[in-house]
Amino acid sequence: MSTWIFRGVLMVFSRVVEGSLGSSTQCKYDKSGVYQLTCPHCKMTYTRQTGRPFKTRFQEHMRNLKYNNRRSTFIQHLLEKGQATGKMEEIMKIIHVTRKGRMPNTSESFHIYKETKAINQINNKLMAKRNEIFETLLQHDP
């Protein structure tokens, strides 16, 4: 009986280790969640969330830039300023890896709020209203 339990624990442990090793070697750009793009020229930021891999979403932004498609505020900003972009690793910051839902909505809203307070955000359609919880977090942010 104890051998059976021990084998079961080993099997569960090996799956946990195997799963954690697999996730650590997976590229962070193959995951989804909340991301931030930074204009290479003026350093203003654009924060959004995606349920698709970050790499896919970045490629969509670049395709929109190539074809002058103003679907995102970030691309509108680059086109209006006549600015080029950089490599994904240079301008895309992964803020939070997660699936779609309440968590990325809150994380996205907080980071837009934070950048709005710093007068550093491009998300003009998502102007942040005063939020006491976000204010408290910003006051205690080191």
C-alpha atoms as a PDB file:
ATOM      1  CA  MET A   1       0.000   0.000   0.000  1.00  0.00           C
ATOM      2  CA  SER A   2       2.734   2.499   0.931  1.00  0.00           C
ATOM      3  CA  THR A   3       4.632   1.639  -2.273  1.00  0.00           C
ATOM      4  CA  TRP A   4       1.531   2.480  -4.308  1.00  0.00           C
ATOM      5  CA  ILE A   5       1.149   5.868  -2.591  1.00  0.00           C
ATOM      6  CA  PHE A   6       4.862   6.546  -3.008  1.00  0.00           C
ATOM      7  CA  ARG A   7       4.663   5.804  -6.757  1.00  0.00           C
ATOM      8  CA  GLY A   8       1.653   8.076  -7.062  1.00  0.00           C
ATOM      9  CA  VAL A   9       3.526  10.901  -5.342  1.00  0.00           C
ATOM     10  CA  LEU A  10       6.532  10.385  -7.623  1.00  0.00           C
ATOM     11  CA  MET A  11       4.307  10.464 -10.678  1.00  0.00           C
ATOM     12  CA  VAL A  12       2.624  13.671  -9.543  1.00  0.00           C
ATOM     13  CA  PHE A  13       5.995  15.217  -8.599  1.00  0.00           C
ATOM     14  CA  SER A  14       7.533  14.303 -11.969  1.00  0.00           C
ATOM     15  CA  ARG A  15       4.572  15.877 -13.788  1.00  0.00           C
ATOM     16  CA  VAL A  16       4.914  19.067 -11.742  1.00  0.00           C
ATOM     17  CA  VAL A  17       8.667  19.268 -12.408  1.00  0.00           C
ATOM     18  CA  GLU A  18       8.177  18.406 -16.082  1.00  0.00           C
ATOM     19  CA  GLY A  19       5.453  21.066 -16.406  1.00  0.00           C
ATOM     20  CA  SER A  20       7.505  23.746 -14.702  1.00  0.00           C
ATOM     21  CA  LEU A  21      10.567  22.999 -16.814  1.00  0.00           C
ATOM     22  CA  GLY A  22       8.495  23.117 -19.979  1.00  0.00           C
ATOM     23  CA  SER A  23       6.965  26.477 -19.092  1.00  0.00           C
ATOM     24  CA  SER A  24      10.310  28.037 -18.165  1.00  0.00           C
ATOM     25  CA  THR A  25      11.819  27.155 -21.537  1.00  0.00           C
ATOM     26  CA  GLN A  26       8.801  28.459 -23.477  1.00  0.00           C
ATOM     27  CA  CYS A  27       9.358  31.891 -25.011  1.00  0.00           C
ATOM     28  CA  LYS A  28       7.530  34.623 -23.081  1.00  0.00           C
ATOM     29  CA  TYR A  29       6.334  36.068 -26.398  1.00  0.00           C
ATOM     30  CA  ASP A  30       4.412  32.834 -27.088  1.00  0.00           C
ATOM     31  CA  LYS A  31       2.132  33.584 -24.133  1.00  0.00           C
ATOM     32  CA  SER A  32      -0.752  36.052 -23.729  1.00  0.00           C
ATOM     33  CA  GLY A  33      -1.745  38.752 -21.267  1.00  0.00           C
ATOM     34  CA  VAL A  34      -1.026  42.464 -20.797  1.00  0.00           C
ATOM     35  CA  TYR A  35       1.737  44.149 -22.790  1.00  0.00           C
ATOM     36  CA  GLN A  36       3.157  47.617 -23.272  1.00  0.00           C
ATOM     37  CA  LEU A  37       4.653  49.074 -26.452  1.00  0.00           C
ATOM     38  CA  THR A  38       7.057  51.989 -26.142  1.00  0.00           C
ATOM     39  CA  CYS A  39       7.584  54.506 -28.920  1.00  0.00           C
ATOM     40  CA  PRO A  40      11.304  54.306 -29.750  1.00  0.00           C
ATOM     41  CA  HIS A  41      11.498  58.063 -30.332  1.00  0.00           C
ATOM     42  CA  CYS A  42       9.475  59.797 -27.605  1.00  0.00           C
ATOM     43  CA  LYS A  43       9.214  56.871 -25.112  1.00  0.00           C
ATOM     44  CA  MET A  44       5.444  57.242 -24.713  1.00  0.00           C
ATOM     45  CA  THR A  45       3.675  53.962 -23.989  1.00  0.00           C
ATOM     46  CA  TYR A  46       0.683  52.023 -25.295  1.00  0.00           C
ATOM     47  CA  THR A  47      -0.783  49.393 -22.966  1.00  0.00           C
ATOM     48  CA  ARG A  48      -3.202  46.669 -24.029  1.00  0.00           C
ATOM     49  CA  GLN A  49      -4.107  43.057 -23.407  1.00  0.00           C
ATOM     50  CA  THR A  50      -4.389  40.150 -25.805  1.00  0.00           C
ATOM     51  CA  GLY A  51      -5.658  36.582 -25.649  1.00  0.00           C
ATOM     52  CA  ARG A  52      -3.350  35.668 -28.523  1.00  0.00           C
ATOM     53  CA  PRO A  53       0.420  35.200 -28.237  1.00  0.00           C
ATOM     54  CA  PHE A  54       2.282  38.492 -27.721  1.00  0.00           C
ATOM     55  CA  LYS A  55       4.386  37.715 -30.794  1.00  0.00           C
ATOM     56  CA  THR A  56       1.247  37.418 -32.965  1.00  0.00           C
ATOM     57  CA  ARG A  57      -0.159  40.701 -31.652  1.00  0.00           C
ATOM     58  CA  PHE A  58       3.150  42.491 -32.279  1.00  0.00           C
ATOM     59  CA  GLN A  59       3.209  41.178 -35.859  1.00  0.00           C
ATOM     60  CA  GLU A  60      -0.327  42.522 -36.347  1.00  0.00           C
ATOM     61  CA  HIS A  61       0.801  45.968 -35.166  1.00  0.00           C
ATOM     62  CA  MET A  62       3.753  45.880 -37.574  1.00  0.00           C
ATOM     63  CA  ARG A  63       1.543  44.783 -40.469  1.00  0.00           C
ATOM     64  CA  ASN A  64      -0.803  47.694 -39.693  1.00  0.00           C
ATOM     65  CA  LEU A  65       2.174  50.057 -39.739  1.00  0.00           C
ATOM     66  CA  LYS A  66       3.428  48.658 -43.048  1.00  0.00           C
ATOM     67  CA  TYR A  67       0.032  49.147 -44.731  1.00  0.00           C
ATOM     68  CA  ASN A  68      -0.816  52.486 -43.028  1.00  0.00           C
ATOM     69  CA  ASN A  69      -3.749  50.863 -41.237  1.00  0.00           C
ATOM     70  CA  ARG A  70      -4.603  53.021 -38.213  1.00  0.00           C
ATOM     71  CA  ARG A  71      -6.357  50.302 -36.207  1.00  0.00           C
ATOM     72  CA  SER A  72      -4.386  50.907 -33.012  1.00  0.00           C
ATOM     73  CA  THR A  73      -3.543  54.151 -31.287  1.00  0.00           C
ATOM     74  CA  PHE A  74       0.104  53.064 -31.183  1.00  0.00           C
ATOM     75  CA  ILE A  75       0.270  52.777 -34.972  1.00  0.00           C
ATOM     76  CA  GLN A  76      -1.620  56.072 -35.368  1.00  0.00           C
ATOM     77  CA  HIS A  77       1.025  57.680 -33.143  1.00  0.00           C
ATOM     78  CA  LEU A  78       3.913  56.246 -35.188  1.00  0.00           C
ATOM     79  CA  LEU A  79       2.316  57.244 -38.508  1.00  0.00           C
ATOM     80  CA  GLU A  80       1.503  60.793 -37.358  1.00  0.00           C
ATOM     81  CA  LYS A  81       5.001  61.334 -35.999  1.00  0.00           C
ATOM     82  CA  GLY A  82       6.644  59.701 -39.021  1.00  0.00           C
ATOM     83  CA  GLN A  83       8.519  57.384 -36.710  1.00  0.00           C
ATOM     84  CA  ALA A  84       9.950  53.965 -37.356  1.00  0.00           C
ATOM     85  CA  THR A  85       9.709  51.129 -34.892  1.00  0.00           C
ATOM     86  CA  GLY A  86      12.247  48.742 -33.424  1.00  0.00           C
ATOM     87  CA  LYS A  87      12.566  45.046 -32.693  1.00  0.00           C
ATOM     88  CA  MET A  88       9.894  43.363 -30.614  1.00  0.00           C
ATOM     89  CA  GLU A  89      12.343  42.756 -27.763  1.00  0.00           C
ATOM     90  CA  GLU A  90      13.224  46.466 -27.691  1.00  0.00           C
ATOM     91  CA  ILE A  91       9.772  48.053 -27.697  1.00  0.00           C
ATOM     92  CA  MET A  92       7.440  45.377 -26.258  1.00  0.00           C
ATOM     93  CA  LYS A  93       7.367  44.878 -22.501  1.00  0.00           C
ATOM     94  CA  ILE A  94       5.381  41.976 -21.067  1.00  0.00           C
ATOM     95  CA  ILE A  95       3.565  43.325 -18.014  1.00  0.00           C
ATOM     96  CA  HIS A  96       1.465  40.353 -16.970  1.00  0.00           C
ATOM     97  CA  VAL A  97       1.173  36.834 -18.405  1.00  0.00           C
ATOM     98  CA  THR A  98      -2.382  35.560 -18.017  1.00  0.00           C
ATOM     99  CA  ARG A  99      -5.479  34.442 -19.871  1.00  0.00           C
ATOM    100  CA  LYS A 100      -8.322  36.789 -20.800  1.00  0.00           C
ATOM    101  CA  GLY A 101     -10.634  37.704 -17.921  1.00  0.00           C
ATOM    102  CA  ARG A 102     -10.861  40.000 -14.907  1.00  0.00           C
ATOM    103  CA  MET A 103      -7.165  39.911 -14.003  1.00  0.00           C
ATOM    104  CA  PRO A 104      -5.864  41.290 -17.320  1.00  0.00           C
ATOM    105  CA  ASN A 105      -8.676  43.869 -17.397  1.00  0.00           C
ATOM    106  CA  THR A 106      -7.564  45.196 -14.004  1.00  0.00           C
ATOM    107  CA  SER A 107      -3.856  45.017 -14.839  1.00  0.00           C
ATOM    108  CA  GLU A 108      -4.403  46.810 -18.152  1.00  0.00           C
ATOM    109  CA  SER A 109      -6.513  49.518 -16.494  1.00  0.00           C
ATOM    110  CA  PHE A 110      -3.948  50.048 -13.736  1.00  0.00           C
ATOM    111  CA  HIS A 111      -1.023  50.446 -16.134  1.00  0.00           C
ATOM    112  CA  ILE A 112      -2.981  52.817 -18.375  1.00  0.00           C
ATOM    113  CA  TYR A 113      -3.921  54.814 -15.263  1.00  0.00           C
ATOM    114  CA  LYS A 114      -0.287  54.869 -14.101  1.00  0.00           C
ATOM    115  CA  GLU A 115       0.996  56.080 -17.485  1.00  0.00           C
ATOM    116  CA  THR A 116      -1.825  58.634 -17.754  1.00  0.00           C
ATOM    117  CA  LYS A 117      -0.796  60.101 -14.382  1.00  0.00           C
ATOM    118  CA  ALA A 118       2.778  60.331 -15.690  1.00  0.00           C
ATOM    119  CA  ILE A 119       1.479  61.971 -18.906  1.00  0.00           C
ATOM    120  CA  ASN A 120       3.197  59.189 -20.792  1.00  0.00           C
ATOM    121  CA  GLN A 121       0.481  57.168 -22.483  1.00  0.00           C
ATOM    122  CA  ILE A 122      -0.772  56.900 -26.037  1.00  0.00           C
ATOM    123  CA  ASN A 123      -4.097  55.168 -25.222  1.00  0.00           C
ATOM    124  CA  ASN A 124      -6.222  58.271 -25.849  1.00  0.00           C
ATOM    125  CA  LYS A 125      -9.495  56.322 -26.076  1.00  0.00           C
ATOM    126  CA  LEU A 126      -8.951  54.869 -22.628  1.00  0.00           C
ATOM    127  CA  MET A 127      -8.336  57.995 -20.564  1.00  0.00           C
ATOM    128  CA  ALA A 128      -8.282  56.912 -16.960  1.00  0.00           C
ATOM    129  CA  LYS A 129     -10.718  58.343 -14.446  1.00  0.00           C
ATOM    130  CA  ARG A 130      -9.564  58.856 -10.863  1.00  0.00           C
ATOM    131  CA  ASN A 131      -9.392  55.539  -9.046  1.00  0.00           C
ATOM    132  CA  GLU A 132      -8.732  55.511  -5.295  1.00  0.00           C
ATOM    133  CA  ILE A 133      -7.415  51.942  -5.280  1.00  0.00           C
ATOM    134  CA  PHE A 134      -4.936  52.714  -8.067  1.00  0.00           C
ATOM    135  CA  GLU A 135      -3.939  55.929  -6.273  1.00  0.00           C
ATOM    136  CA  THR A 136      -3.170  53.947  -3.116  1.00  0.00           C
ATOM    137  CA  LEU A 137      -1.117  51.419  -5.091  1.00  0.00           C
ATOM    138  CA  LEU A 138       0.857  54.201  -6.784  1.00  0.00           C
ATOM    139  CA  GLN A 139       1.577  55.897  -3.450  1.00  0.00           C
ATOM    140  CA  HIS A 140       3.047  52.655  -2.073  1.00  0.00           C
ATOM    141  CA  ASP A 141       4.894  51.653  -5.247  1.00  0.00           C
ATOM    142  CA  PRO A 142       8.649  51.781  -4.574  1.00  0.00           C
END
